[in-house]
Amino acid sequence: METEEAVLALAALSQSTRLEAFRTLVRYEPDGLAAGELARQLEVPQNTLSAHLSILTRAGLVSSERRSRSIIYRANLGEFRDVAVFLLRDCCGGRPEVCAPVVESLQSCCSPKRKERGHV
């Protein structure tokens, strides 16, 4: 990832409505969420949300797809991962113990849930 791409993504997320829109879309992965439903959940007028979604889309953090009469928005988790890796890649300065707390905190919230034995 280039610095300009990271700046564009971070700038897109630096506004509270856009940040909440992105976070909400992440919760609805992989199916995405219709624009109207997203506006309702965020309690934002649809035309205002449309402008915010355009900014997130230009930054590569959100994609859209028309399904019948609805536009479904999805978080681009690959792009978000690239931004996060861009920020963290050099944080260690060759000392992995510096980033260990960040990695540990991600493992506790993002680890796959194990299936219990004996349950189908």
C-alpha atoms as a PDB file:
ATOM      1  CA  MET A   1       0.000   0.000   0.000  1.00  0.00           C
ATOM      2  CA  GLU A   2       1.224   3.454  -0.885  1.00  0.00           C
ATOM      3  CA  THR A   3       1.182   6.338   1.591  1.00  0.00           C
ATOM      4  CA  GLU A   4      -1.405   8.231  -0.485  1.00  0.00           C
ATOM      5  CA  GLU A   5      -3.817   5.267  -0.336  1.00  0.00           C
ATOM      6  CA  ALA A   6      -3.411   5.007   3.427  1.00  0.00           C
ATOM      7  CA  VAL A   7      -3.990   8.741   3.870  1.00  0.00           C
ATOM      8  CA  LEU A   8      -7.153   8.572   1.741  1.00  0.00           C
ATOM      9  CA  ALA A   9      -8.515   5.641   3.773  1.00  0.00           C
ATOM     10  CA  LEU A  10      -7.656   7.204   7.118  1.00  0.00           C
ATOM     11  CA  ALA A  11      -9.167  10.533   6.061  1.00  0.00           C
ATOM     12  CA  ALA A  12     -12.359   8.736   5.029  1.00  0.00           C
ATOM     13  CA  LEU A  13     -12.584   7.111   8.463  1.00  0.00           C
ATOM     14  CA  SER A  14     -11.781  10.326  10.326  1.00  0.00           C
ATOM     15  CA  GLN A  15     -15.404  11.502  10.361  1.00  0.00           C
ATOM     16  CA  SER A  16     -17.786   9.966  12.932  1.00  0.00           C
ATOM     17  CA  THR A  17     -20.674   9.063  10.587  1.00  0.00           C
ATOM     18  CA  ARG A  18     -18.326   7.435   8.092  1.00  0.00           C
ATOM     19  CA  LEU A  19     -16.523   5.551  10.834  1.00  0.00           C
ATOM     20  CA  GLU A  20     -19.815   4.250  12.249  1.00  0.00           C
ATOM     21  CA  ALA A  21     -21.039   3.350   8.754  1.00  0.00           C
ATOM     22  CA  PHE A  22     -17.883   1.338   8.122  1.00  0.00           C
ATOM     23  CA  ARG A  23     -18.071  -0.370  11.525  1.00  0.00           C
ATOM     24  CA  THR A  24     -21.719  -1.241  10.938  1.00  0.00           C
ATOM     25  CA  LEU A  25     -20.951  -2.686   7.513  1.00  0.00           C
ATOM     26  CA  VAL A  26     -18.187  -4.806   9.048  1.00  0.00           C
ATOM     27  CA  ARG A  27     -20.773  -6.339  11.397  1.00  0.00           C
ATOM     28  CA  TYR A  28     -22.907  -7.283   8.383  1.00  0.00           C
ATOM     29  CA  GLU A  29     -20.176  -9.035   6.439  1.00  0.00           C
ATOM     30  CA  PRO A  30     -20.325 -10.937   4.176  1.00  0.00           C
ATOM     31  CA  ASP A  31     -23.926 -10.174   3.168  1.00  0.00           C
ATOM     32  CA  GLY A  32     -23.729  -6.384   3.329  1.00  0.00           C
ATOM     33  CA  LEU A  33     -26.537  -3.995   4.129  1.00  0.00           C
ATOM     34  CA  ALA A  34     -28.998  -2.025   2.031  1.00  0.00           C
ATOM     35  CA  ALA A  35     -28.374   1.718   1.975  1.00  0.00           C
ATOM     36  CA  GLY A  36     -31.793   2.505   3.444  1.00  0.00           C
ATOM     37  CA  GLU A  37     -31.314   0.106   6.339  1.00  0.00           C
ATOM     38  CA  LEU A  38     -27.846   1.492   7.022  1.00  0.00           C
ATOM     39  CA  ALA A  39     -29.273   5.028   7.083  1.00  0.00           C
ATOM     40  CA  ARG A  40     -32.008   3.890   9.472  1.00  0.00           C
ATOM     41  CA  GLN A  41     -29.564   2.194  11.832  1.00  0.00           C
ATOM     42  CA  LEU A  42     -27.270   5.216  11.885  1.00  0.00           C
ATOM     43  CA  GLU A  43     -30.208   7.633  12.107  1.00  0.00           C
ATOM     44  CA  VAL A  44     -28.814   9.653   9.209  1.00  0.00           C
ATOM     45  CA  PRO A  45     -30.784  11.029   6.230  1.00  0.00           C
ATOM     46  CA  GLN A  46     -30.241   8.876   3.142  1.00  0.00           C
ATOM     47  CA  ASN A  47     -28.845  11.723   1.041  1.00  0.00           C
ATOM     48  CA  THR A  48     -26.306  12.557   3.773  1.00  0.00           C
ATOM     49  CA  LEU A  49     -25.323   8.909   4.087  1.00  0.00           C
ATOM     50  CA  SER A  50     -24.951   8.672   0.319  1.00  0.00           C
ATOM     51  CA  ALA A  51     -22.297  11.390   0.398  1.00  0.00           C
ATOM     52  CA  HIS A  52     -20.442   9.600   3.202  1.00  0.00           C
ATOM     53  CA  LEU A  53     -20.617   6.257   1.393  1.00  0.00           C
ATOM     54  CA  SER A  54     -19.194   7.896  -1.737  1.00  0.00           C
ATOM     55  CA  ILE A  55     -16.150   9.033   0.240  1.00  0.00           C
ATOM     56  CA  LEU A  56     -15.676   5.554   1.738  1.00  0.00           C
ATOM     57  CA  THR A  57     -16.055   4.024  -1.728  1.00  0.00           C
ATOM     58  CA  ARG A  58     -13.455   6.365  -3.265  1.00  0.00           C
ATOM     59  CA  ALA A  59     -11.091   5.346  -0.457  1.00  0.00           C
ATOM     60  CA  GLY A  60     -11.644   1.684  -1.372  1.00  0.00           C
ATOM     61  CA  LEU A  61     -13.113   0.816   2.028  1.00  0.00           C
ATOM     62  CA  VAL A  62     -16.664   0.161   0.808  1.00  0.00           C
ATOM     63  CA  SER A  63     -18.160  -1.398  -2.297  1.00  0.00           C
ATOM     64  CA  SER A  64     -21.714  -1.424  -3.570  1.00  0.00           C
ATOM     65  CA  GLU A  65     -23.856  -3.740  -5.627  1.00  0.00           C
ATOM     66  CA  ARG A  66     -27.328  -3.207  -7.020  1.00  0.00           C
ATOM     67  CA  ARG A  67     -29.789  -5.939  -6.072  1.00  0.00           C
ATOM     68  CA  SER A  68     -33.183  -5.318  -7.590  1.00  0.00           C
ATOM     69  CA  ARG A  69     -34.245  -1.894  -6.296  1.00  0.00           C
ATOM     70  CA  SER A  70     -31.704  -1.787  -3.455  1.00  0.00           C
ATOM     71  CA  ILE A  71     -28.058  -0.890  -3.326  1.00  0.00           C
ATOM     72  CA  ILE A  72     -26.192  -3.188  -0.979  1.00  0.00           C
ATOM     73  CA  TYR A  73     -23.029  -1.845   0.618  1.00  0.00           C
ATOM     74  CA  ARG A  74     -20.215  -4.001   1.925  1.00  0.00           C
ATOM     75  CA  ALA A  75     -17.063  -3.261   3.858  1.00  0.00           C
ATOM     76  CA  ASN A  76     -13.896  -4.007   1.917  1.00  0.00           C
ATOM     77  CA  LEU A  77     -12.062  -5.889   4.647  1.00  0.00           C
ATOM     78  CA  GLY A  78      -9.084  -6.568   2.408  1.00  0.00           C
ATOM     79  CA  GLU A  79      -8.460  -2.837   1.960  1.00  0.00           C
ATOM     80  CA  PHE A  80      -8.934  -2.238   5.671  1.00  0.00           C
ATOM     81  CA  ARG A  81      -6.441  -5.013   6.425  1.00  0.00           C
ATOM     82  CA  ASP A  82      -3.967  -3.368   4.064  1.00  0.00           C
ATOM     83  CA  VAL A  83      -4.338  -0.050   5.914  1.00  0.00           C
ATOM     84  CA  ALA A  84      -3.860  -1.722   9.299  1.00  0.00           C
ATOM     85  CA  VAL A  85      -0.813  -3.644   8.084  1.00  0.00           C
ATOM     86  CA  PHE A  86       0.589  -0.454   6.547  1.00  0.00           C
ATOM     87  CA  LEU A  87       0.307   1.248   9.947  1.00  0.00           C
ATOM     88  CA  LEU A  88       1.749  -1.652  11.920  1.00  0.00           C
ATOM     89  CA  ARG A  89       4.353  -3.046   9.543  1.00  0.00           C
ATOM     90  CA  ASP A  90       7.170  -0.801  10.716  1.00  0.00           C
ATOM     91  CA  CYS A  91       5.964  -0.222  14.269  1.00  0.00           C
ATOM     92  CA  CYS A  92       8.210  -2.894  15.668  1.00  0.00           C
ATOM     93  CA  GLY A  93      11.452  -1.512  14.281  1.00  0.00           C
ATOM     94  CA  GLY A  94      12.796  -5.056  14.255  1.00  0.00           C
ATOM     95  CA  ARG A  95      11.536  -5.664  17.814  1.00  0.00           C
ATOM     96  CA  PRO A  96       8.412  -7.868  17.658  1.00  0.00           C
ATOM     97  CA  GLU A  97       7.805  -7.490  21.407  1.00  0.00           C
ATOM     98  CA  VAL A  98       6.780  -3.874  20.771  1.00  0.00           C
ATOM     99  CA  CYS A  99       3.773  -4.986  18.686  1.00  0.00           C
ATOM    100  CA  ALA A 100       2.984  -8.089  20.753  1.00  0.00           C
ATOM    101  CA  PRO A 101       0.283  -6.354  22.855  1.00  0.00           C
ATOM    102  CA  VAL A 102      -1.521  -5.237  19.678  1.00  0.00           C
ATOM    103  CA  VAL A 103      -1.407  -8.730  18.208  1.00  0.00           C
ATOM    104  CA  GLU A 104      -2.604 -10.270  21.479  1.00  0.00           C
ATOM    105  CA  SER A 105      -5.565  -7.908  21.726  1.00  0.00           C
ATOM    106  CA  LEU A 106      -6.600  -8.803  18.182  1.00  0.00           C
ATOM    107  CA  GLN A 107      -6.364 -12.517  18.897  1.00  0.00           C
ATOM    108  CA  SER A 108      -8.730 -12.251  21.851  1.00  0.00           C
ATOM    109  CA  CYS A 109     -11.451 -10.500  19.841  1.00  0.00           C
ATOM    110  CA  CYS A 110     -10.923 -12.063  16.449  1.00  0.00           C
ATOM    111  CA  SER A 111     -10.138 -15.713  17.124  1.00  0.00           C
ATOM    112  CA  PRO A 112     -12.450 -18.201  15.418  1.00  0.00           C
ATOM    113  CA  LYS A 113     -14.935 -19.751  17.784  1.00  0.00           C
ATOM    114  CA  ARG A 114     -14.277 -23.419  18.433  1.00  0.00           C
ATOM    115  CA  LYS A 115     -17.090 -25.892  17.971  1.00  0.00           C
ATOM    116  CA  GLU A 116     -17.927 -27.818  21.094  1.00  0.00           C
ATOM    117  CA  ARG A 117     -17.480 -31.567  20.932  1.00  0.00           C
ATOM    118  CA  GLY A 118     -20.605 -33.631  20.633  1.00  0.00           C
ATOM    119  CA  HIS A 119     -22.639 -30.786  19.118  1.00  0.00           C
ATOM    120  CA  VAL A 120     -23.611 -30.747  15.500  1.00  0.00           C
END
